C-alpha atoms as a PDB file:
ATOM      1  CA  MET A   1      12.052  12.300 -28.683  1.00  0.00           C
ATOM      2  CA  GLN A   2       9.745  15.151 -27.820  1.00  0.00           C
ATOM      3  CA  THR A   3       5.905  14.986 -29.159  1.00  0.00           C
ATOM      4  CA  ASN A   4       3.941  18.158 -29.637  1.00  0.00           C
ATOM      5  CA  PHE A   5       0.320  17.830 -29.093  1.00  0.00           C
ATOM      6  CA  ILE A   6      -1.855  20.087 -30.709  1.00  0.00           C
ATOM      7  CA  SER A   7      -5.615  20.211 -29.927  1.00  0.00           C
ATOM      8  CA  ALA A   8      -8.396  22.261 -31.287  1.00  0.00           C
ATOM      9  CA  ASP A   9     -10.329  24.494 -28.765  1.00  0.00           C
ATOM     10  CA  LEU A  10     -13.438  22.771 -27.618  1.00  0.00           C
ATOM     11  CA  PRO A  11     -16.406  24.840 -28.558  1.00  0.00           C
ATOM     12  CA  LYS A  12     -17.829  26.260 -24.904  1.00  0.00           C
ATOM     13  CA  LEU A  13     -21.193  25.212 -24.327  1.00  0.00           C
ATOM     14  CA  PRO A  14     -23.686  28.142 -23.885  1.00  0.00           C
ATOM     15  CA  ILE A  15     -25.002  27.019 -20.499  1.00  0.00           C
ATOM     16  CA  ALA A  16     -25.046  30.679 -19.550  1.00  0.00           C
ATOM     17  CA  ASP A  17     -27.305  31.687 -22.562  1.00  0.00           C
ATOM     18  CA  TRP A  18     -29.488  28.535 -22.131  1.00  0.00           C
ATOM     19  CA  VAL A  19     -30.065  29.935 -18.191  1.00  0.00           C
ATOM     20  CA  ASP A  20     -30.711  33.675 -19.441  1.00  0.00           C
ATOM     21  CA  THR A  21     -33.239  32.437 -21.857  1.00  0.00           C
ATOM     22  CA  ALA A  22     -35.174  30.367 -19.417  1.00  0.00           C
ATOM     23  CA  VAL A  23     -35.266  32.926 -16.963  1.00  0.00           C
ATOM     24  CA  ASP A  24     -36.477  35.557 -19.404  1.00  0.00           C
ATOM     25  CA  TRP A  25     -39.231  33.134 -20.803  1.00  0.00           C
ATOM     26  CA  MET A  26     -40.083  32.306 -17.234  1.00  0.00           C
ATOM     27  CA  SER A  27     -40.318  36.385 -16.190  1.00  0.00           C
ATOM     28  CA  THR A  28     -42.514  36.846 -19.154  1.00  0.00           C
ATOM     29  CA  ASN A  29     -45.036  34.148 -19.081  1.00  0.00           C
ATOM     30  CA  LEU A  30     -45.325  33.057 -15.383  1.00  0.00           C
ATOM     31  CA  GLU A  31     -45.557  36.797 -14.001  1.00  0.00           C
ATOM     32  CA  GLY A  32     -49.104  36.093 -12.517  1.00  0.00           C
ATOM     33  CA  LEU A  33     -47.864  33.063 -10.816  1.00  0.00           C
ATOM     34  CA  PHE A  34     -45.125  34.851  -9.315  1.00  0.00           C
ATOM     35  CA  ASN A  35     -47.115  37.804  -8.329  1.00  0.00           C
ATOM     36  CA  GLY A  36     -49.513  35.301  -6.531  1.00  0.00           C
ATOM     37  CA  ILE A  37     -46.676  33.583  -4.750  1.00  0.00           C
ATOM     38  CA  ALA A  38     -45.248  37.018  -3.758  1.00  0.00           C
ATOM     39  CA  ILE A  39     -48.369  38.254  -2.329  1.00  0.00           C
ATOM     40  CA  ALA A  40     -49.144  34.964  -0.338  1.00  0.00           C
ATOM     41  CA  ILE A  41     -45.518  34.826   1.176  1.00  0.00           C
ATOM     42  CA  GLU A  42     -45.812  38.596   2.222  1.00  0.00           C
ATOM     43  CA  LYS A  43     -48.981  38.000   3.947  1.00  0.00           C
ATOM     44  CA  VAL A  44     -47.437  35.058   5.713  1.00  0.00           C
ATOM     45  CA  VAL A  45     -44.451  37.047   6.995  1.00  0.00           C
ATOM     46  CA  ASP A  46     -46.314  40.143   7.805  1.00  0.00           C
ATOM     47  CA  GLY A  47     -48.725  37.802   9.954  1.00  0.00           C
ATOM     48  CA  PHE A  48     -46.300  36.114  11.739  1.00  0.00           C
ATOM     49  CA  THR A  49     -44.403  39.274  12.446  1.00  0.00           C
ATOM     50  CA  ALA A  50     -47.573  41.020  13.888  1.00  0.00           C
ATOM     51  CA  VAL A  51     -47.950  38.003  16.094  1.00  0.00           C
ATOM     52  CA  PHE A  52     -44.292  38.308  17.298  1.00  0.00           C
ATOM     53  CA  THR A  53     -44.495  42.039  17.901  1.00  0.00           C
ATOM     54  CA  ALA A  54     -47.810  42.821  19.280  1.00  0.00           C
ATOM     55  CA  PRO A  55     -47.109  41.574  22.877  1.00  0.00           C
ATOM     56  CA  HIS A  56     -44.727  43.400  25.185  1.00  0.00           C
ATOM     57  CA  PRO A  57     -41.027  41.561  24.815  1.00  0.00           C
ATOM     58  CA  ILE A  58     -41.232  40.591  28.512  1.00  0.00           C
ATOM     59  CA  LEU A  59     -44.622  38.937  27.752  1.00  0.00           C
ATOM     60  CA  PHE A  60     -43.219  37.221  24.858  1.00  0.00           C
ATOM     61  CA  ILE A  61     -40.237  35.987  26.465  1.00  0.00           C
ATOM     62  CA  VAL A  62     -42.468  34.507  29.334  1.00  0.00           C
ATOM     63  CA  ILE A  63     -44.491  32.681  26.544  1.00  0.00           C
ATOM     64  CA  LEU A  64     -41.461  31.359  25.031  1.00  0.00           C
ATOM     65  CA  ALA A  65     -39.917  30.235  28.202  1.00  0.00           C
ATOM     66  CA  VAL A  66     -43.223  28.221  29.032  1.00  0.00           C
ATOM     67  CA  ILE A  67     -42.738  26.795  25.509  1.00  0.00           C
ATOM     68  CA  ALA A  68     -39.125  25.998  26.160  1.00  0.00           C
ATOM     69  CA  TYR A  69     -40.075  24.402  29.479  1.00  0.00           C
ATOM     70  CA  LEU A  70     -42.651  22.261  28.215  1.00  0.00           C
ATOM     71  CA  ALA A  71     -40.643  21.036  25.060  1.00  0.00           C
ATOM     72  CA  GLY A  72     -37.389  20.692  26.755  1.00  0.00           C
ATOM     73  CA  LYS A  73     -35.946  21.328  30.269  1.00  0.00           C
ATOM     74  CA  TRP A  74     -35.547  23.925  32.718  1.00  0.00           C
ATOM     75  CA  LYS A  75     -32.411  24.822  31.655  1.00  0.00           C
ATOM     76  CA  LEU A  76     -33.687  25.550  28.236  1.00  0.00           C
ATOM     77  CA  SER A  77     -36.192  27.594  29.715  1.00  0.00           C
ATOM     78  CA  LEU A  78     -33.553  29.554  31.706  1.00  0.00           C
ATOM     79  CA  PHE A  79     -31.242  30.105  28.215  1.00  0.00           C
ATOM     80  CA  THR A  80     -34.323  31.164  26.551  1.00  0.00           C
ATOM     81  CA  VAL A  81     -35.073  33.959  28.812  1.00  0.00           C
ATOM     82  CA  LEU A  82     -31.524  34.877  29.256  1.00  0.00           C
ATOM     83  CA  GLY A  83     -30.823  35.002  25.606  1.00  0.00           C
ATOM     84  CA  PHE A  84     -33.948  36.864  24.793  1.00  0.00           C
ATOM     85  CA  LEU A  85     -33.426  39.538  27.303  1.00  0.00           C
ATOM     86  CA  LEU A  86     -29.884  40.036  25.739  1.00  0.00           C
ATOM     87  CA  ILE A  87     -31.384  40.413  22.440  1.00  0.00           C
ATOM     88  CA  TRP A  88     -33.850  42.999  23.877  1.00  0.00           C
ATOM     89  CA  ASP A  89     -31.193  44.789  25.761  1.00  0.00           C
ATOM     90  CA  LEU A  90     -28.890  45.173  22.924  1.00  0.00           C
ATOM     91  CA  GLY A  91     -31.785  46.594  20.707  1.00  0.00           C
ATOM     92  CA  TYR A  92     -32.069  43.910  18.174  1.00  0.00           C
ATOM     93  CA  TRP A  93     -35.676  42.770  19.403  1.00  0.00           C
ATOM     94  CA  GLU A  94     -37.425  43.937  16.419  1.00  0.00           C
ATOM     95  CA  ALA A  95     -34.916  42.686  13.834  1.00  0.00           C
ATOM     96  CA  THR A  96     -34.787  39.491  15.627  1.00  0.00           C
ATOM     97  CA  MET A  97     -38.457  38.978  15.524  1.00  0.00           C
ATOM     98  CA  SER A  98     -38.745  39.780  11.756  1.00  0.00           C
ATOM     99  CA  THR A  99     -35.879  37.103  11.240  1.00  0.00           C
ATOM    100  CA  LEU A 100     -38.058  34.393  13.377  1.00  0.00           C
ATOM    101  CA  ALA A 101     -40.885  35.305  10.867  1.00  0.00           C
ATOM    102  CA  LEU A 102     -38.870  34.647   7.925  1.00  0.00           C
ATOM    103  CA  VAL A 103     -37.427  31.443   9.381  1.00  0.00           C
ATOM    104  CA  LEU A 104     -40.814  30.218  10.485  1.00  0.00           C
ATOM    105  CA  THR A 105     -42.399  31.105   7.092  1.00  0.00           C
ATOM    106  CA  SER A 106     -39.677  29.485   4.748  1.00  0.00           C
ATOM    107  CA  GLY A 107     -39.311  26.782   6.865  1.00  0.00           C
ATOM    108  CA  LEU A 108     -43.195  25.920   7.075  1.00  0.00           C
ATOM    109  CA  ILE A 109     -43.431  26.085   3.360  1.00  0.00           C
ATOM    110  CA  SER A 110     -40.060  23.728   3.061  1.00  0.00           C
ATOM    111  CA  ILE A 111     -41.748  21.275   5.124  1.00  0.00           C
ATOM    112  CA  LEU A 112     -45.118  21.382   3.581  1.00  0.00           C
ATOM    113  CA  ILE A 113     -43.537  20.712   0.198  1.00  0.00           C
ATOM    114  CA  GLY A 114     -40.399  18.635   1.581  1.00  0.00           C
ATOM    115  CA  ILE A 115     -42.586  16.052   3.200  1.00  0.00           C
ATOM    116  CA  PRO A 116     -44.875  15.185   0.322  1.00  0.00           C
ATOM    117  CA  ILE A 117     -42.035  14.924  -1.977  1.00  0.00           C
ATOM    118  CA  GLY A 118     -40.037  12.674   0.480  1.00  0.00           C
ATOM    119  CA  ILE A 119     -42.926  10.295   0.574  1.00  0.00           C
ATOM    120  CA  LEU A 120     -43.116  10.200  -3.057  1.00  0.00           C
ATOM    121  CA  CYS A 121     -39.311   9.707  -3.636  1.00  0.00           C
ATOM    122  CA  ALA A 122     -39.891   6.429  -1.109  1.00  0.00           C
ATOM    123  CA  LYS A 123     -42.764   5.001  -2.954  1.00  0.00           C
ATOM    124  CA  SER A 124     -41.358   5.497  -6.570  1.00  0.00           C
ATOM    125  CA  ARG A 125     -38.208   4.521  -7.483  1.00  0.00           C
ATOM    126  CA  GLY A 126     -38.322   6.503 -10.721  1.00  0.00           C
ATOM    127  CA  ALA A 127     -39.258   9.904  -8.567  1.00  0.00           C
ATOM    128  CA  SER A 128     -36.283   9.356  -6.745  1.00  0.00           C
ATOM    129  CA  ASN A 129     -33.982   8.659  -9.402  1.00  0.00           C
ATOM    130  CA  VAL A 130     -35.065  12.204 -10.912  1.00  0.00           C
ATOM    131  CA  ILE A 131     -35.405  14.092  -7.729  1.00  0.00           C
ATOM    132  CA  THR A 132     -32.155  12.961  -5.876  1.00  0.00           C
ATOM    133  CA  PRO A 133     -29.845  14.376  -8.460  1.00  0.00           C
ATOM    134  CA  LEU A 134     -31.681  17.456  -7.979  1.00  0.00           C
ATOM    135  CA  LEU A 135     -31.244  17.665  -4.394  1.00  0.00           C
ATOM    136  CA  ASP A 136     -27.520  17.041  -4.852  1.00  0.00           C
ATOM    137  CA  PHE A 137     -27.428  20.032  -7.088  1.00  0.00           C
ATOM    138  CA  MET A 138     -29.379  22.278  -4.583  1.00  0.00           C
ATOM    139  CA  GLN A 139     -27.221  21.170  -1.832  1.00  0.00           C
ATOM    140  CA  THR A 140     -23.764  21.762  -3.516  1.00  0.00           C
ATOM    141  CA  MET A 141     -24.674  24.925  -5.371  1.00  0.00           C
ATOM    142  CA  PRO A 142     -23.106  28.149  -3.473  1.00  0.00           C
ATOM    143  CA  ALA A 143     -25.854  29.495  -1.471  1.00  0.00           C
ATOM    144  CA  PHE A 144     -25.483  33.073  -2.947  1.00  0.00           C
ATOM    145  CA  VAL A 145     -26.297  31.825  -6.158  1.00  0.00           C
ATOM    146  CA  TYR A 146     -29.908  31.270  -5.327  1.00  0.00           C
ATOM    147  CA  LEU A 147     -30.340  34.992  -4.640  1.00  0.00           C
ATOM    148  CA  LEU A 148     -29.908  35.730  -8.248  1.00  0.00           C
ATOM    149  CA  PRO A 149     -33.020  34.212  -9.709  1.00  0.00           C
ATOM    150  CA  ALA A 150     -34.943  35.203  -6.591  1.00  0.00           C
ATOM    151  CA  VAL A 151     -34.294  38.926  -7.270  1.00  0.00           C
ATOM    152  CA  THR A 152     -34.891  38.328 -10.966  1.00  0.00           C
ATOM    153  CA  PHE A 153     -38.406  36.705 -10.217  1.00  0.00           C
ATOM    154  CA  PHE A 154     -39.443  38.485  -7.241  1.00  0.00           C
ATOM    155  CA  SER A 155     -37.312  41.912  -7.237  1.00  0.00           C
ATOM    156  CA  LEU A 156     -35.856  42.957  -3.816  1.00  0.00           C
ATOM    157  CA  GLY A 157     -37.406  42.434  -0.340  1.00  0.00           C
ATOM    158  CA  VAL A 158     -38.749  39.716   1.809  1.00  0.00           C
ATOM    159  CA  VAL A 159     -40.259  37.322  -0.924  1.00  0.00           C
ATOM    160  CA  PRO A 160     -36.990  36.599  -2.763  1.00  0.00           C
ATOM    161  CA  GLY A 161     -35.392  36.098   0.901  1.00  0.00           C
ATOM    162  CA  VAL A 162     -37.813  33.492   1.507  1.00  0.00           C
ATOM    163  CA  ILE A 163     -37.719  31.891  -1.846  1.00  0.00           C
ATOM    164  CA  ALA A 164     -34.023  31.501  -1.654  1.00  0.00           C
ATOM    165  CA  SER A 165     -34.130  29.906   2.120  1.00  0.00           C
ATOM    166  CA  ILE A 166     -36.794  27.479   0.735  1.00  0.00           C
ATOM    167  CA  ILE A 167     -34.585  26.037  -2.013  1.00  0.00           C
ATOM    168  CA  PHE A 168     -31.803  26.179  -0.043  1.00  0.00           C
ATOM    169  CA  ALA A 169     -33.237  24.512   3.227  1.00  0.00           C
ATOM    170  CA  ILE A 170     -35.668  21.785   1.633  1.00  0.00           C
ATOM    171  CA  PRO A 171     -33.270  18.962   0.622  1.00  0.00           C
ATOM    172  CA  PRO A 172     -32.845  17.770   4.193  1.00  0.00           C
ATOM    173  CA  THR A 173     -36.627  17.320   4.783  1.00  0.00           C
ATOM    174  CA  ILE A 174     -36.980  15.277   1.620  1.00  0.00           C
ATOM    175  CA  ARG A 175     -33.916  13.415   2.330  1.00  0.00           C
ATOM    176  CA  LEU A 176     -34.877  12.278   5.654  1.00  0.00           C
ATOM    177  CA  THR A 177     -38.414  11.684   4.826  1.00  0.00           C
ATOM    178  CA  ASN A 178     -37.702   9.232   2.157  1.00  0.00           C
ATOM    179  CA  LEU A 179     -34.738   7.549   4.321  1.00  0.00           C
ATOM    180  CA  GLY A 180     -36.963   7.237   7.228  1.00  0.00           C
ATOM    181  CA  ILE A 181     -40.114   5.739   5.304  1.00  0.00           C
ATOM    182  CA  LYS A 182     -37.461   3.121   3.542  1.00  0.00           C
ATOM    183  CA  GLN A 183     -36.088   2.153   7.167  1.00  0.00           C
ATOM    184  CA  VAL A 184     -39.315   1.190   8.205  1.00  0.00           C
ATOM    185  CA  SER A 185     -39.327  -2.689   8.720  1.00  0.00           C
ATOM    186  CA  GLY A 186     -40.425  -4.544   5.613  1.00  0.00           C
ATOM    187  CA  GLU A 187     -41.946  -7.095   8.290  1.00  0.00           C
ATOM    188  CA  LEU A 188     -44.287  -4.687   9.384  1.00  0.00           C
ATOM    189  CA  VAL A 189     -45.159  -3.092   6.102  1.00  0.00           C
ATOM    190  CA  GLU A 190     -46.236  -7.063   5.262  1.00  0.00           C
ATOM    191  CA  ALA A 191     -48.424  -7.516   8.319  1.00  0.00           C
ATOM    192  CA  ALA A 192     -50.214  -4.403   7.515  1.00  0.00           C
ATOM    193  CA  ASP A 193     -50.561  -5.829   4.094  1.00  0.00           C
ATOM    194  CA  ALA A 194     -51.807  -8.896   5.491  1.00  0.00           C
ATOM    195  CA  PHE A 195     -54.403  -7.029   7.660  1.00  0.00           C
ATOM    196  CA  GLY A 196     -55.832  -5.615   4.431  1.00  0.00           C
ATOM    197  CA  SER A 197     -54.706  -2.043   5.138  1.00  0.00           C
ATOM    198  CA  THR A 198     -55.176   0.461   2.056  1.00  0.00           C
ATOM    199  CA  GLY A 199     -51.944   2.288   0.869  1.00  0.00           C
ATOM    200  CA  ALA A 200     -53.025   5.124   2.769  1.00  0.00           C
ATOM    201  CA  GLN A 201     -53.872   3.401   5.965  1.00  0.00           C
ATOM    202  CA  LYS A 202     -50.381   1.850   5.849  1.00  0.00           C
ATOM    203  CA  LEU A 203     -48.413   5.228   5.283  1.00  0.00           C
ATOM    204  CA  PHE A 204     -50.163   7.425   7.792  1.00  0.00           C
ATOM    205  CA  LYS A 205     -50.658   4.437  10.533  1.00  0.00           C
ATOM    206  CA  VAL A 206     -47.505   2.383  10.277  1.00  0.00           C
ATOM    207  CA  GLN A 207     -44.698   3.851   7.906  1.00  0.00           C
ATOM    208  CA  LEU A 208     -44.982   7.766   8.947  1.00  0.00           C
ATOM    209  CA  PRO A 209     -45.232   6.934  12.644  1.00  0.00           C
ATOM    210  CA  LEU A 210     -42.339   4.773  12.791  1.00  0.00           C
ATOM    211  CA  ALA A 211     -40.350   7.331  10.237  1.00  0.00           C
ATOM    212  CA  MET A 212     -41.063  10.267  12.491  1.00  0.00           C
ATOM    213  CA  PRO A 213     -37.800  10.500  14.691  1.00  0.00           C
ATOM    214  CA  THR A 214     -35.835  10.866  11.283  1.00  0.00           C
ATOM    215  CA  ILE A 215     -38.461  12.930   9.584  1.00  0.00           C
ATOM    216  CA  LEU A 216     -37.851  15.367  12.614  1.00  0.00           C
ATOM    217  CA  ALA A 217     -34.167  15.294  12.162  1.00  0.00           C
ATOM    218  CA  GLY A 218     -34.754  16.657   8.732  1.00  0.00           C
ATOM    219  CA  ILE A 219     -37.038  19.379   9.954  1.00  0.00           C
ATOM    220  CA  ASN A 220     -34.555  20.288  12.461  1.00  0.00           C
ATOM    221  CA  GLN A 221     -32.052  20.536   9.717  1.00  0.00           C
ATOM    222  CA  THR A 222     -34.390  22.446   7.217  1.00  0.00           C
ATOM    223  CA  ILE A 223     -35.033  25.068  10.034  1.00  0.00           C
ATOM    224  CA  MET A 224     -31.458  25.561  10.694  1.00  0.00           C
ATOM    225  CA  LEU A 225     -30.752  26.007   7.113  1.00  0.00           C
ATOM    226  CA  SER A 226     -33.569  28.609   6.606  1.00  0.00           C
ATOM    227  CA  LEU A 227     -31.915  30.673   9.436  1.00  0.00           C
ATOM    228  CA  SER A 228     -28.334  30.636   7.819  1.00  0.00           C
ATOM    229  CA  MET A 229     -30.116  31.691   4.527  1.00  0.00           C
ATOM    230  CA  VAL A 230     -32.225  34.253   5.842  1.00  0.00           C
ATOM    231  CA  VAL A 231     -28.988  35.966   7.369  1.00  0.00           C
ATOM    232  CA  ILE A 232     -27.653  35.955   3.821  1.00  0.00           C
ATOM    233  CA  ALA A 233     -30.845  37.063   2.130  1.00  0.00           C
ATOM    234  CA  SER A 234     -30.347  40.526   3.858  1.00  0.00           C
ATOM    235  CA  MET A 235     -28.150  41.317   0.786  1.00  0.00           C
ATOM    236  CA  ILE A 236     -31.046  41.523  -1.299  1.00  0.00           C
ATOM    237  CA  GLY A 237     -33.252  43.488   0.873  1.00  0.00           C
ATOM    238  CA  ALA A 238     -34.920  40.852   3.433  1.00  0.00           C
ATOM    239  CA  GLN A 239     -35.514  42.185   6.785  1.00  0.00           C
ATOM    240  CA  GLY A 240     -34.117  41.045  10.087  1.00  0.00           C
ATOM    241  CA  ILE A 241     -30.887  40.537  11.934  1.00  0.00           C
ATOM    242  CA  GLY A 242     -29.176  39.789   8.879  1.00  0.00           C
ATOM    243  CA  VAL A 243     -29.145  43.401   7.921  1.00  0.00           C
ATOM    244  CA  GLU A 244     -27.554  44.560  11.044  1.00  0.00           C
ATOM    245  CA  VAL A 245     -25.050  41.880  10.257  1.00  0.00           C
ATOM    246  CA  TYR A 246     -24.327  42.835   6.693  1.00  0.00           C
ATOM    247  CA  ARG A 247     -24.305  46.646   7.882  1.00  0.00           C
ATOM    248  CA  ALA A 248     -21.467  45.658  10.429  1.00  0.00           C
ATOM    249  CA  VAL A 249     -19.588  43.749   7.445  1.00  0.00           C
ATOM    250  CA  THR A 250     -19.765  46.422   5.241  1.00  0.00           C
ATOM    251  CA  GLN A 251     -18.799  49.435   7.415  1.00  0.00           C
ATOM    252  CA  LEU A 252     -16.503  47.167   9.635  1.00  0.00           C
ATOM    253  CA  HIS A 253     -18.053  47.809  13.035  1.00  0.00           C
ATOM    254  CA  ILE A 254     -16.656  44.899  14.579  1.00  0.00           C
ATOM    255  CA  GLY A 255     -18.236  45.428  18.019  1.00  0.00           C
ATOM    256  CA  GLN A 256     -21.838  45.755  16.450  1.00  0.00           C
ATOM    257  CA  GLY A 257     -21.152  42.622  14.171  1.00  0.00           C
ATOM    258  CA  PHE A 258     -20.439  40.384  17.208  1.00  0.00           C
ATOM    259  CA  GLU A 259     -23.807  41.941  19.051  1.00  0.00           C
ATOM    260  CA  ALA A 260     -25.574  41.073  16.065  1.00  0.00           C
ATOM    261  CA  GLY A 261     -24.072  37.839  15.865  1.00  0.00           C
ATOM    262  CA  LEU A 262     -24.758  36.864  19.365  1.00  0.00           C
ATOM    263  CA  ALA A 263     -28.677  37.429  18.499  1.00  0.00           C
ATOM    264  CA  VAL A 264     -28.452  35.029  15.717  1.00  0.00           C
ATOM    265  CA  VAL A 265     -26.833  32.509  17.941  1.00  0.00           C
ATOM    266  CA  VAL A 266     -29.379  32.897  20.616  1.00  0.00           C
ATOM    267  CA  LEU A 267     -32.180  32.580  17.996  1.00  0.00           C
ATOM    268  CA  ALA A 268     -30.695  29.611  16.474  1.00  0.00           C
ATOM    269  CA  ILE A 269     -30.079  27.512  19.627  1.00  0.00           C
ATOM    270  CA  VAL A 270     -33.633  28.092  20.929  1.00  0.00           C
ATOM    271  CA  LEU A 271     -34.936  26.988  17.467  1.00  0.00           C
ATOM    272  CA  ASP A 272     -32.813  23.874  17.333  1.00  0.00           C
ATOM    273  CA  ARG A 273     -33.479  22.575  20.833  1.00  0.00           C
ATOM    274  CA  LEU A 274     -37.281  23.295  20.374  1.00  0.00           C
ATOM    275  CA  SER A 275     -37.269  21.734  17.010  1.00  0.00           C
ATOM    276  CA  GLN A 276     -35.346  18.677  18.513  1.00  0.00           C
ATOM    277  CA  ASN A 277     -37.743  18.285  21.778  1.00  0.00           C
ATOM    278  CA  ILE A 278     -41.060  19.886  20.995  1.00  0.00           C
ATOM    279  CA  PHE A 279     -42.513  16.261  19.575  1.00  0.00           C
ATOM    280  CA  LYS A 280     -40.911  13.974  21.981  1.00  0.00           C
ATOM    281  CA  PRO A 281     -42.763  12.379  24.928  1.00  0.00           C
ATOM    282  CA  SER A 282     -42.621  14.367  27.877  1.00  0.00           C
ATOM    283  CA  GLN A 283     -41.620  11.768  30.073  1.00  0.00           C
ATOM    284  CA  LYS A 284     -38.544  11.364  27.739  1.00  0.00           C
ATOM    285  CA  ARG A 285     -37.358  14.842  27.688  1.00  0.00           C
ATOM    286  CA  ARG A 286     -38.062  16.159  31.035  1.00  0.00           C
ATOM    287  CA  ASN A 287     -35.329  16.061  33.601  1.00  0.00           C
ATOM    288  CA  ALA A 288     -35.906  17.209  37.293  1.00  0.00           C
END
């Protein structure tokens, strides 16, 4: 005997309406705050861009090569020289410097915000219980979705690209700062307490130094995610090499897209290696 199940249609939750209402309210009542944030970000990006584009490309490459040698190995220095010479030869120097400025801006802001939040999560179970689900949401939401509120609040251009990059890239710094502090041996913390250390002394002289390798791993991931998001943000007017990639995709210029992609790869590898090695003790990272 066949049984038919008849179920009434469930009413749809007006989540989209709720989000639109919240965005409209924020756009109306927080306009001054958003304008201040936009001005600050523009000044930082313009400052980085001016610094990177002021010297001749050869001089800038030499400076990068020296930094790479001091931070890593001679192989990294050689790759930096060859990679950036290739970028210059292909004609993507200005675009790459703009991208570097955007990545450093979004990465720096993410680190300055993320580390204190990670410390808060490590110190407060209640804060961790609230922030951790938000980080899950931020890391699983498609990257393109972040472009919508960024454009709504900051219009088109560099600023929404930086804002979207910060939201997309900040979770690793928060998570790994939290994890690094929690992994510090309880015996060392008890010893610090036994010697009469204050909370600040225990944090800055015991927990943070011991957690630094884990924190630096989070910073490295934040920088890499910032670079990937900055490229995507070219769709909303962010400057840099992402514009060339997006133009090549929309016009089906395969060769041009490959060249622009090479510039992104070179920049990503150099930033990745530098962020991995720059804070390590020189005797551990220097190979003959």
